[in-house]
């Protein structure tokens, strides 16, 4: 039992910053990202002994994506039953923050699976096969999610000024 706790603690300590960054891109909110990572690690701890040593990273990443999708589903139901959706905070102190906010907003507007595919493939720099494994789907499905997600990002109103500034559109 002690070895399992030590292994898990060591993994969680090393992986925490990276997992929070990934979760932030999935959720768009730092506090929700920390909650998502904490919830995910809590669920994974109970199964830690059964996960093969070389697959810890992939298992936790997939659990993170699945927990985020579940979180979105629960939130969607909550929004259906509330009169006024909760207000979102806005930060725009400098251009870099505004740029980042535009990207995060565009990511949040994507369907969860497309968002997860883009974050895992381009932010986490996973291969197509690793992304497919994390999402629990085929490589062709990942390609479809990426193509559709990138298409939506190219057309997103928050990103259009950046795309036209780079000569990406006429």
N, C-alpha and C. Protein backbone atom coordinates (compact mmCIF):
# COMPACT_ATOMS: atom_id res chain seq x y z
N UNK A 1 0.83 -1.20 0.00
CA UNK A 1 0.00 0.00 0.00
C UNK A 1 0.87 1.26 0.00
N UNK A 2 1.94 1.24 0.77
CA UNK A 2 2.79 2.42 0.86
C UNK A 2 3.47 2.70 -0.47
N UNK A 3 3.94 1.65 -1.16
CA UNK A 3 4.57 1.84 -2.46
C UNK A 3 3.60 2.46 -3.45
N UNK A 4 2.36 2.00 -3.41
CA UNK A 4 1.35 2.53 -4.31
C UNK A 4 1.12 4.01 -4.04
N UNK A 5 1.04 4.37 -2.76
CA UNK A 5 0.83 5.78 -2.41
C UNK A 5 2.03 6.63 -2.82
N UNK A 6 3.23 6.11 -2.62
CA UNK A 6 4.43 6.86 -2.98
C UNK A 6 4.51 7.04 -4.49
N UNK A 7 4.23 5.97 -5.25
CA UNK A 7 4.24 6.07 -6.71
C UNK A 7 3.22 7.10 -7.20
N UNK A 8 2.02 7.02 -6.64
CA UNK A 8 0.97 7.94 -7.05
C UNK A 8 1.33 9.37 -6.69
N UNK A 9 1.82 9.57 -5.47
CA UNK A 9 2.19 10.91 -5.02
C UNK A 9 3.28 11.50 -5.91
N UNK A 10 4.26 10.69 -6.25
CA UNK A 10 5.35 11.16 -7.11
C UNK A 10 4.81 11.53 -8.49
N UNK A 11 3.96 10.67 -9.05
CA UNK A 11 3.38 10.95 -10.36
C UNK A 11 2.54 12.23 -10.31
N UNK A 12 1.65 12.33 -9.33
CA UNK A 12 0.75 13.47 -9.24
C UNK A 12 1.52 14.77 -9.06
N UNK A 13 2.57 14.73 -8.26
CA UNK A 13 3.37 15.94 -8.03
C UNK A 13 4.04 16.41 -9.31
N UNK A 14 4.61 15.48 -10.06
CA UNK A 14 5.29 15.85 -11.30
C UNK A 14 4.31 16.26 -12.39
N UNK A 15 3.18 15.59 -12.46
CA UNK A 15 2.23 15.81 -13.56
C UNK A 15 1.27 16.98 -13.30
N UNK A 16 1.14 17.42 -12.06
CA UNK A 16 0.14 18.44 -11.71
C UNK A 16 0.18 19.68 -12.61
N UNK A 17 1.34 20.35 -12.76
CA UNK A 17 1.32 21.58 -13.57
C UNK A 17 0.87 21.34 -15.01
N UNK A 18 1.33 20.27 -15.62
CA UNK A 18 0.96 19.97 -17.00
C UNK A 18 -0.51 19.61 -17.10
N UNK A 19 -1.01 18.83 -16.14
CA UNK A 19 -2.42 18.45 -16.17
C UNK A 19 -3.32 19.68 -15.98
N UNK A 20 -2.92 20.59 -15.12
CA UNK A 20 -3.72 21.81 -14.91
C UNK A 20 -3.73 22.66 -16.17
N UNK A 21 -2.58 22.76 -16.85
CA UNK A 21 -2.55 23.54 -18.11
C UNK A 21 -3.49 22.93 -19.14
N UNK A 22 -3.44 21.61 -19.26
CA UNK A 22 -4.32 20.93 -20.21
C UNK A 22 -5.78 21.13 -19.81
N UNK A 23 -6.06 20.96 -18.53
CA UNK A 23 -7.44 21.12 -18.05
C UNK A 23 -7.92 22.55 -18.25
N UNK A 24 -7.02 23.52 -18.12
CA UNK A 24 -7.40 24.92 -18.35
C UNK A 24 -7.86 25.12 -19.79
N UNK A 25 -7.15 24.50 -20.71
CA UNK A 25 -7.56 24.63 -22.11
C UNK A 25 -8.89 23.92 -22.37
N UNK A 26 -9.16 22.88 -21.61
CA UNK A 26 -10.43 22.17 -21.76
C UNK A 26 -11.58 22.90 -21.10
N UNK A 27 -11.32 23.60 -19.98
CA UNK A 27 -12.40 24.23 -19.23
C UNK A 27 -12.50 25.73 -19.45
N UNK A 28 -11.36 26.39 -19.69
CA UNK A 28 -11.36 27.84 -19.85
C UNK A 28 -11.33 28.60 -18.55
N UNK A 29 -11.23 27.92 -17.43
CA UNK A 29 -11.22 28.56 -16.12
C UNK A 29 -10.19 27.86 -15.24
N UNK A 30 -9.30 28.65 -14.64
CA UNK A 30 -8.21 28.07 -13.86
C UNK A 30 -8.72 27.27 -12.66
N UNK A 31 -9.71 27.80 -11.97
CA UNK A 31 -10.23 27.11 -10.78
C UNK A 31 -10.94 25.82 -11.16
N UNK A 32 -11.71 25.86 -12.24
CA UNK A 32 -12.36 24.64 -12.71
C UNK A 32 -11.32 23.63 -13.17
N UNK A 33 -10.24 24.11 -13.77
CA UNK A 33 -9.17 23.22 -14.22
C UNK A 33 -8.55 22.50 -13.03
N UNK A 34 -8.25 23.25 -11.97
CA UNK A 34 -7.69 22.61 -10.78
C UNK A 34 -8.66 21.60 -10.19
N UNK A 35 -9.94 21.95 -10.13
CA UNK A 35 -10.95 21.02 -9.62
C UNK A 35 -11.03 19.76 -10.48
N UNK A 36 -10.98 19.96 -11.80
CA UNK A 36 -11.04 18.83 -12.72
C UNK A 36 -9.85 17.89 -12.51
N UNK A 37 -8.66 18.46 -12.38
CA UNK A 37 -7.46 17.63 -12.17
C UNK A 37 -7.55 16.92 -10.83
N UNK A 38 -7.97 17.63 -9.80
CA UNK A 38 -8.07 17.03 -8.48
C UNK A 38 -9.09 15.89 -8.47
N UNK A 39 -10.23 16.10 -9.08
CA UNK A 39 -11.25 15.06 -9.18
C UNK A 39 -10.73 13.85 -9.95
N UNK A 40 -10.05 14.13 -11.06
CA UNK A 40 -9.51 13.06 -11.89
C UNK A 40 -8.48 12.25 -11.11
N UNK A 41 -7.56 12.93 -10.47
CA UNK A 41 -6.53 12.21 -9.70
C UNK A 41 -7.15 11.43 -8.55
N UNK A 42 -8.19 11.97 -7.94
CA UNK A 42 -8.88 11.25 -6.87
C UNK A 42 -9.50 9.96 -7.37
N UNK A 43 -10.10 10.02 -8.56
CA UNK A 43 -10.71 8.82 -9.13
C UNK A 43 -9.65 7.81 -9.56
N UNK A 44 -8.55 8.32 -10.10
CA UNK A 44 -7.49 7.43 -10.59
C UNK A 44 -6.77 6.73 -9.44
N UNK A 45 -6.66 7.38 -8.30
CA UNK A 45 -5.93 6.80 -7.17
C UNK A 45 -6.48 5.43 -6.78
N UNK A 46 -7.78 5.28 -6.79
CA UNK A 46 -8.39 4.00 -6.43
C UNK A 46 -8.04 2.88 -7.39
N UNK A 47 -7.68 3.22 -8.60
CA UNK A 47 -7.35 2.21 -9.62
C UNK A 47 -5.85 2.15 -9.90
N UNK A 48 -5.07 2.93 -9.18
CA UNK A 48 -3.65 3.10 -9.48
C UNK A 48 -2.90 1.78 -9.57
N UNK A 49 -3.14 0.86 -8.65
CA UNK A 49 -2.42 -0.40 -8.63
C UNK A 49 -2.69 -1.24 -9.89
N UNK A 50 -3.88 -1.11 -10.46
CA UNK A 50 -4.24 -1.90 -11.63
C UNK A 50 -3.78 -1.33 -12.96
N UNK A 51 -3.22 -0.13 -12.94
CA UNK A 51 -2.77 0.50 -14.19
C UNK A 51 -1.33 0.10 -14.43
N UNK A 52 -1.02 -0.48 -15.59
CA UNK A 52 0.38 -0.83 -15.88
C UNK A 52 1.29 0.39 -15.80
N UNK A 53 2.49 0.20 -15.29
CA UNK A 53 3.40 1.30 -14.99
C UNK A 53 3.61 2.25 -16.18
N UNK A 54 3.79 1.76 -17.37
CA UNK A 54 4.05 2.61 -18.52
C UNK A 54 2.82 3.34 -19.05
N UNK A 55 1.64 3.01 -18.53
CA UNK A 55 0.41 3.59 -19.06
C UNK A 55 -0.22 4.62 -18.12
N UNK A 56 0.47 4.98 -17.05
CA UNK A 56 -0.09 5.96 -16.10
C UNK A 56 -0.46 7.26 -16.79
N UNK A 57 0.46 7.77 -17.58
CA UNK A 57 0.26 9.07 -18.25
C UNK A 57 -0.98 9.03 -19.16
N UNK A 58 -1.05 8.03 -20.00
CA UNK A 58 -2.17 7.91 -20.94
C UNK A 58 -3.49 7.71 -20.21
N UNK A 59 -3.47 6.91 -19.16
CA UNK A 59 -4.68 6.63 -18.40
C UNK A 59 -5.21 7.91 -17.75
N UNK A 60 -4.34 8.68 -17.13
CA UNK A 60 -4.76 9.91 -16.46
C UNK A 60 -5.25 10.92 -17.49
N UNK A 61 -4.58 11.02 -18.62
CA UNK A 61 -5.01 11.96 -19.66
C UNK A 61 -6.40 11.61 -20.16
N UNK A 62 -6.64 10.34 -20.40
CA UNK A 62 -7.96 9.93 -20.87
C UNK A 62 -9.02 10.18 -19.81
N UNK A 63 -8.69 9.90 -18.56
CA UNK A 63 -9.63 10.15 -17.46
C UNK A 63 -9.94 11.65 -17.36
N UNK A 64 -8.94 12.49 -17.58
CA UNK A 64 -9.12 13.94 -17.54
C UNK A 64 -10.12 14.38 -18.61
N UNK A 65 -9.94 13.88 -19.81
CA UNK A 65 -10.85 14.23 -20.91
C UNK A 65 -12.26 13.73 -20.62
N UNK A 66 -12.38 12.49 -20.16
CA UNK A 66 -13.70 11.92 -19.87
C UNK A 66 -14.40 12.68 -18.74
N UNK A 67 -13.66 13.02 -17.70
CA UNK A 67 -14.26 13.77 -16.60
C UNK A 67 -14.70 15.16 -17.05
N UNK A 68 -13.95 15.77 -17.95
CA UNK A 68 -14.35 17.07 -18.46
C UNK A 68 -15.63 16.97 -19.28
N UNK A 69 -15.74 15.96 -20.10
CA UNK A 69 -16.96 15.78 -20.90
C UNK A 69 -18.16 15.55 -19.98
N UNK A 70 -17.97 14.77 -18.92
CA UNK A 70 -19.05 14.55 -17.95
C UNK A 70 -19.41 15.86 -17.25
N UNK A 71 -18.41 16.67 -16.92
CA UNK A 71 -18.63 17.96 -16.27
C UNK A 71 -19.46 18.87 -17.18
N UNK A 72 -19.16 18.86 -18.47
CA UNK A 72 -19.90 19.69 -19.42
C UNK A 72 -21.35 19.22 -19.51
N UNK A 73 -21.55 17.92 -19.53
CA UNK A 73 -22.92 17.40 -19.59
C UNK A 73 -23.72 17.81 -18.36
N UNK A 74 -23.10 17.69 -17.18
CA UNK A 74 -23.79 18.09 -15.95
C UNK A 74 -24.12 19.58 -15.97
N UNK A 75 -23.18 20.39 -16.44
CA UNK A 75 -23.39 21.84 -16.48
C UNK A 75 -24.52 22.18 -17.45
N UNK A 76 -24.58 21.47 -18.57
CA UNK A 76 -25.62 21.73 -19.56
C UNK A 76 -27.00 21.52 -18.94
N UNK A 77 -27.15 20.47 -18.14
CA UNK A 77 -28.41 20.21 -17.48
C UNK A 77 -28.71 21.32 -16.48
N UNK A 78 -27.71 21.77 -15.74
CA UNK A 78 -27.89 22.85 -14.78
C UNK A 78 -28.35 24.12 -15.48
N UNK A 79 -27.76 24.44 -16.61
CA UNK A 79 -28.14 25.64 -17.35
C UNK A 79 -29.59 25.56 -17.84
N UNK A 80 -30.04 24.36 -18.15
CA UNK A 80 -31.42 24.21 -18.60
C UNK A 80 -32.41 24.54 -17.48
N UNK A 81 -31.98 24.33 -16.23
CA UNK A 81 -32.89 24.52 -15.11
C UNK A 81 -32.72 25.86 -14.39
N UNK A 82 -31.80 26.69 -14.84
CA UNK A 82 -31.63 28.00 -14.21
C UNK A 82 -32.18 29.08 -15.13
N UNK A 83 -32.73 30.12 -14.52
CA UNK A 83 -33.30 31.22 -15.31
C UNK A 83 -32.23 32.01 -16.01
N UNK A 84 -31.13 32.29 -15.29
CA UNK A 84 -30.05 33.09 -15.82
C UNK A 84 -28.75 32.31 -15.70
N UNK A 85 -28.07 32.07 -16.81
CA UNK A 85 -26.80 31.36 -16.71
C UNK A 85 -25.79 32.20 -15.92
N UNK A 86 -24.85 31.56 -15.23
CA UNK A 86 -23.87 32.32 -14.47
C UNK A 86 -23.03 33.19 -15.39
N UNK A 87 -22.64 34.35 -14.89
CA UNK A 87 -21.83 35.26 -15.69
C UNK A 87 -20.40 34.79 -15.73
N UNK A 88 -19.75 35.03 -16.83
CA UNK A 88 -18.35 34.65 -17.00
C UNK A 88 -17.50 35.88 -16.74
N UNK A 89 -16.39 35.67 -16.07
CA UNK A 89 -15.46 36.76 -15.82
C UNK A 89 -14.76 37.17 -17.11
N UNK A 90 -14.33 38.41 -17.16
CA UNK A 90 -13.61 38.89 -18.34
C UNK A 90 -12.33 39.55 -17.88
N UNK A 91 -11.24 39.16 -18.49
CA UNK A 91 -9.98 39.83 -18.18
C UNK A 91 -9.37 40.29 -19.50
N UNK A 92 -8.95 41.52 -19.55
CA UNK A 92 -8.37 42.03 -20.78
C UNK A 92 -7.42 43.16 -20.47
N UNK A 93 -6.37 42.88 -19.71
CA UNK A 93 -5.46 43.93 -19.27
C UNK A 93 -4.39 44.27 -20.30
N UNK A 94 -4.09 43.34 -21.16
CA UNK A 94 -3.08 43.63 -22.18
C UNK A 94 -3.37 42.78 -23.41
N UNK A 95 -2.64 43.05 -24.46
CA UNK A 95 -2.89 42.34 -25.72
C UNK A 95 -2.69 40.84 -25.59
N UNK A 96 -1.65 40.43 -24.87
CA UNK A 96 -1.38 39.00 -24.72
C UNK A 96 -2.53 38.30 -24.01
N UNK A 97 -3.07 38.93 -22.98
CA UNK A 97 -4.19 38.35 -22.26
C UNK A 97 -5.42 38.31 -23.15
N UNK A 98 -5.64 39.36 -23.94
CA UNK A 98 -6.78 39.38 -24.84
C UNK A 98 -6.64 38.31 -25.92
N UNK A 99 -5.43 38.13 -26.43
CA UNK A 99 -5.20 37.09 -27.43
C UNK A 99 -5.50 35.71 -26.84
N UNK A 100 -4.98 35.49 -25.65
CA UNK A 100 -5.19 34.21 -24.98
C UNK A 100 -6.68 34.00 -24.69
N UNK A 101 -7.34 35.07 -24.26
CA UNK A 101 -8.77 34.98 -23.97
C UNK A 101 -9.56 34.65 -25.24
N UNK A 102 -9.16 35.21 -26.36
CA UNK A 102 -9.85 34.93 -27.62
C UNK A 102 -9.69 33.46 -28.00
N UNK A 103 -8.50 32.94 -27.83
CA UNK A 103 -8.26 31.52 -28.16
C UNK A 103 -9.05 30.62 -27.22
N UNK A 104 -9.02 30.93 -25.93
CA UNK A 104 -9.76 30.13 -24.95
C UNK A 104 -11.25 30.19 -25.25
N UNK A 105 -11.77 31.36 -25.56
CA UNK A 105 -13.19 31.48 -25.88
C UNK A 105 -13.54 30.65 -27.12
N UNK A 106 -12.70 30.73 -28.11
CA UNK A 106 -12.95 29.95 -29.33
C UNK A 106 -12.92 28.45 -29.02
N UNK A 107 -11.97 28.03 -28.19
CA UNK A 107 -11.90 26.62 -27.80
C UNK A 107 -13.15 26.20 -27.04
N UNK A 108 -13.62 27.06 -26.14
CA UNK A 108 -14.80 26.73 -25.34
C UNK A 108 -16.06 26.61 -26.17
N UNK A 109 -16.09 27.28 -27.31
CA UNK A 109 -17.26 27.22 -28.17
C UNK A 109 -17.29 25.96 -29.03
N UNK A 110 -16.19 25.21 -29.05
CA UNK A 110 -16.16 23.96 -29.81
C UNK A 110 -16.90 22.87 -29.04
N UNK A 111 -17.43 21.89 -29.75
CA UNK A 111 -17.98 20.72 -29.07
C UNK A 111 -16.86 20.04 -28.25
N UNK A 112 -17.20 19.41 -27.13
CA UNK A 112 -16.19 18.86 -26.23
C UNK A 112 -15.19 17.91 -26.88
N UNK A 113 -15.63 17.04 -27.75
CA UNK A 113 -14.71 16.07 -28.36
C UNK A 113 -13.74 16.77 -29.33
N UNK A 114 -14.23 17.74 -30.08
CA UNK A 114 -13.35 18.49 -30.98
C UNK A 114 -12.34 19.29 -30.18
N UNK A 115 -12.81 19.91 -29.10
CA UNK A 115 -11.91 20.68 -28.24
C UNK A 115 -10.83 19.77 -27.64
N UNK A 116 -11.25 18.62 -27.15
CA UNK A 116 -10.28 17.69 -26.55
C UNK A 116 -9.27 17.22 -27.59
N UNK A 117 -9.72 16.93 -28.80
CA UNK A 117 -8.81 16.49 -29.85
C UNK A 117 -7.78 17.57 -30.17
N UNK A 118 -8.22 18.81 -30.28
CA UNK A 118 -7.30 19.91 -30.61
C UNK A 118 -6.32 20.15 -29.47
N UNK A 119 -6.81 20.15 -28.23
CA UNK A 119 -5.91 20.37 -27.09
C UNK A 119 -4.89 19.25 -26.99
N UNK A 120 -5.33 18.01 -27.09
CA UNK A 120 -4.39 16.89 -26.95
C UNK A 120 -3.39 16.84 -28.10
N UNK A 121 -3.86 17.09 -29.30
CA UNK A 121 -2.98 16.98 -30.47
C UNK A 121 -2.00 18.15 -30.58
N UNK A 122 -2.48 19.37 -30.39
CA UNK A 122 -1.64 20.53 -30.64
C UNK A 122 -1.05 21.16 -29.37
N UNK A 123 -1.74 21.08 -28.25
CA UNK A 123 -1.18 21.64 -27.03
C UNK A 123 -0.30 20.62 -26.32
N UNK A 124 -0.84 19.40 -26.15
CA UNK A 124 -0.07 18.34 -25.51
C UNK A 124 0.93 17.71 -26.48
N UNK A 125 0.82 18.00 -27.75
CA UNK A 125 1.71 17.50 -28.79
C UNK A 125 1.73 15.97 -28.85
N UNK A 126 0.55 15.37 -28.70
CA UNK A 126 0.43 13.93 -28.80
C UNK A 126 0.35 13.53 -30.27
N UNK A 127 0.77 12.33 -30.54
CA UNK A 127 0.63 11.81 -31.90
C UNK A 127 -0.85 11.53 -32.16
N UNK A 128 -1.18 11.25 -33.40
CA UNK A 128 -2.56 10.93 -33.73
C UNK A 128 -3.02 9.69 -32.97
N UNK A 129 -2.14 8.68 -32.90
CA UNK A 129 -2.48 7.45 -32.21
C UNK A 129 -2.69 7.69 -30.71
N UNK A 130 -1.82 8.50 -30.10
CA UNK A 130 -1.96 8.80 -28.67
C UNK A 130 -3.24 9.60 -28.40
N UNK A 131 -3.55 10.52 -29.30
CA UNK A 131 -4.77 11.30 -29.16
C UNK A 131 -5.99 10.39 -29.28
N UNK A 132 -5.95 9.48 -30.24
CA UNK A 132 -7.05 8.53 -30.41
C UNK A 132 -7.21 7.66 -29.16
N UNK A 133 -6.11 7.23 -28.61
CA UNK A 133 -6.15 6.42 -27.40
C UNK A 133 -6.73 7.20 -26.23
N UNK A 134 -6.33 8.47 -26.09
CA UNK A 134 -6.83 9.30 -24.99
C UNK A 134 -8.33 9.57 -25.13
N UNK A 135 -8.80 9.68 -26.36
CA UNK A 135 -10.21 9.95 -26.60
C UNK A 135 -11.04 8.67 -26.70
N UNK A 136 -10.37 7.53 -26.80
CA UNK A 136 -11.10 6.27 -26.91
C UNK A 136 -11.80 6.11 -28.25
N UNK A 137 -11.11 6.51 -29.32
CA UNK A 137 -11.70 6.41 -30.64
C UNK A 137 -10.61 6.05 -31.65
N UNK A 138 -10.96 5.97 -32.90
CA UNK A 138 -9.99 5.62 -33.94
C UNK A 138 -9.23 6.86 -34.40
N UNK A 139 -8.12 6.62 -35.09
CA UNK A 139 -7.33 7.72 -35.64
C UNK A 139 -8.16 8.51 -36.65
N UNK A 140 -8.96 7.82 -37.45
CA UNK A 140 -9.79 8.53 -38.42
C UNK A 140 -10.82 9.44 -37.75
N UNK A 141 -11.34 9.01 -36.61
CA UNK A 141 -12.27 9.85 -35.87
C UNK A 141 -11.56 11.09 -35.34
N UNK A 142 -10.32 10.91 -34.87
CA UNK A 142 -9.53 12.06 -34.41
C UNK A 142 -9.32 13.03 -35.57
N UNK A 143 -8.98 12.52 -36.73
CA UNK A 143 -8.78 13.37 -37.90
C UNK A 143 -10.05 14.16 -38.21
N UNK A 144 -11.19 13.51 -38.10
CA UNK A 144 -12.46 14.18 -38.36
C UNK A 144 -12.70 15.29 -37.33
N UNK A 145 -12.47 14.96 -36.03
CA UNK A 145 -12.63 15.97 -34.98
C UNK A 145 -11.69 17.16 -35.22
N UNK A 146 -10.46 16.89 -35.59
CA UNK A 146 -9.48 17.95 -35.83
C UNK A 146 -9.89 18.81 -37.03
N UNK A 147 -10.30 18.17 -38.12
CA UNK A 147 -10.69 18.91 -39.31
C UNK A 147 -11.88 19.81 -39.02
N UNK A 148 -12.89 19.26 -38.37
CA UNK A 148 -14.08 20.05 -38.07
C UNK A 148 -13.78 21.14 -37.04
N UNK A 149 -13.01 20.79 -36.01
CA UNK A 149 -12.67 21.77 -34.98
C UNK A 149 -11.84 22.92 -35.52
N UNK A 150 -10.84 22.59 -36.32
CA UNK A 150 -10.01 23.65 -36.91
C UNK A 150 -10.82 24.51 -37.86
N UNK A 151 -11.74 23.90 -38.57
CA UNK A 151 -12.61 24.67 -39.45
C UNK A 151 -13.46 25.66 -38.66
N UNK A 152 -14.00 25.20 -37.54
CA UNK A 152 -14.79 26.10 -36.70
C UNK A 152 -13.93 27.21 -36.10
N UNK A 153 -12.70 26.88 -35.71
CA UNK A 153 -11.81 27.89 -35.16
C UNK A 153 -11.47 28.95 -36.22
N UNK A 154 -11.27 28.52 -37.46
CA UNK A 154 -10.96 29.48 -38.54
C UNK A 154 -12.11 30.45 -38.77
N UNK A 155 -13.31 30.01 -38.51
CA UNK A 155 -14.50 30.84 -38.74
C UNK A 155 -14.97 31.55 -37.47
N UNK A 156 -14.35 31.28 -36.34
CA UNK A 156 -14.83 31.84 -35.07
C UNK A 156 -14.64 33.36 -35.06
N UNK A 157 -15.67 34.10 -34.67
CA UNK A 157 -15.59 35.56 -34.69
C UNK A 157 -14.45 36.13 -33.84
N UNK A 158 -14.12 35.48 -32.74
CA UNK A 158 -13.05 35.99 -31.88
C UNK A 158 -11.68 35.83 -32.52
N UNK A 159 -11.53 34.90 -33.45
CA UNK A 159 -10.23 34.64 -34.07
C UNK A 159 -10.09 35.21 -35.47
N UNK A 160 -11.19 35.62 -36.09
CA UNK A 160 -11.14 36.15 -37.45
C UNK A 160 -10.13 37.30 -37.59
N UNK A 161 -10.08 38.26 -36.65
CA UNK A 161 -9.09 39.34 -36.80
C UNK A 161 -7.65 38.83 -36.82
N UNK A 162 -7.35 37.79 -36.09
CA UNK A 162 -6.00 37.24 -36.05
C UNK A 162 -5.67 36.50 -37.35
N UNK A 163 -6.66 35.82 -37.89
CA UNK A 163 -6.45 35.07 -39.13
C UNK A 163 -6.25 36.03 -40.29
N UNK A 164 -7.07 37.09 -40.36
CA UNK A 164 -6.93 38.04 -41.45
C UNK A 164 -5.64 38.84 -41.32
N UNK A 165 -5.19 39.11 -40.10
CA UNK A 165 -3.93 39.84 -39.88
C UNK A 165 -2.72 39.04 -40.36
N UNK A 166 -2.85 37.72 -40.33
CA UNK A 166 -1.76 36.86 -40.77
C UNK A 166 -1.87 36.50 -42.24
N UNK A 167 -2.86 37.04 -42.90
CA UNK A 167 -3.02 36.77 -44.34
C UNK A 167 -3.66 35.44 -44.63
N UNK A 168 -4.34 34.88 -43.63
CA UNK A 168 -4.97 33.57 -43.80
C UNK A 168 -6.25 33.62 -44.58
N UNK A 169 -6.84 34.81 -44.71
CA UNK A 169 -8.09 34.96 -45.42
C UNK A 169 -8.08 36.24 -46.21
N UNK A 170 -8.89 36.29 -47.18
CA UNK A 170 -9.03 37.51 -48.00
C UNK A 170 -10.14 38.35 -47.46
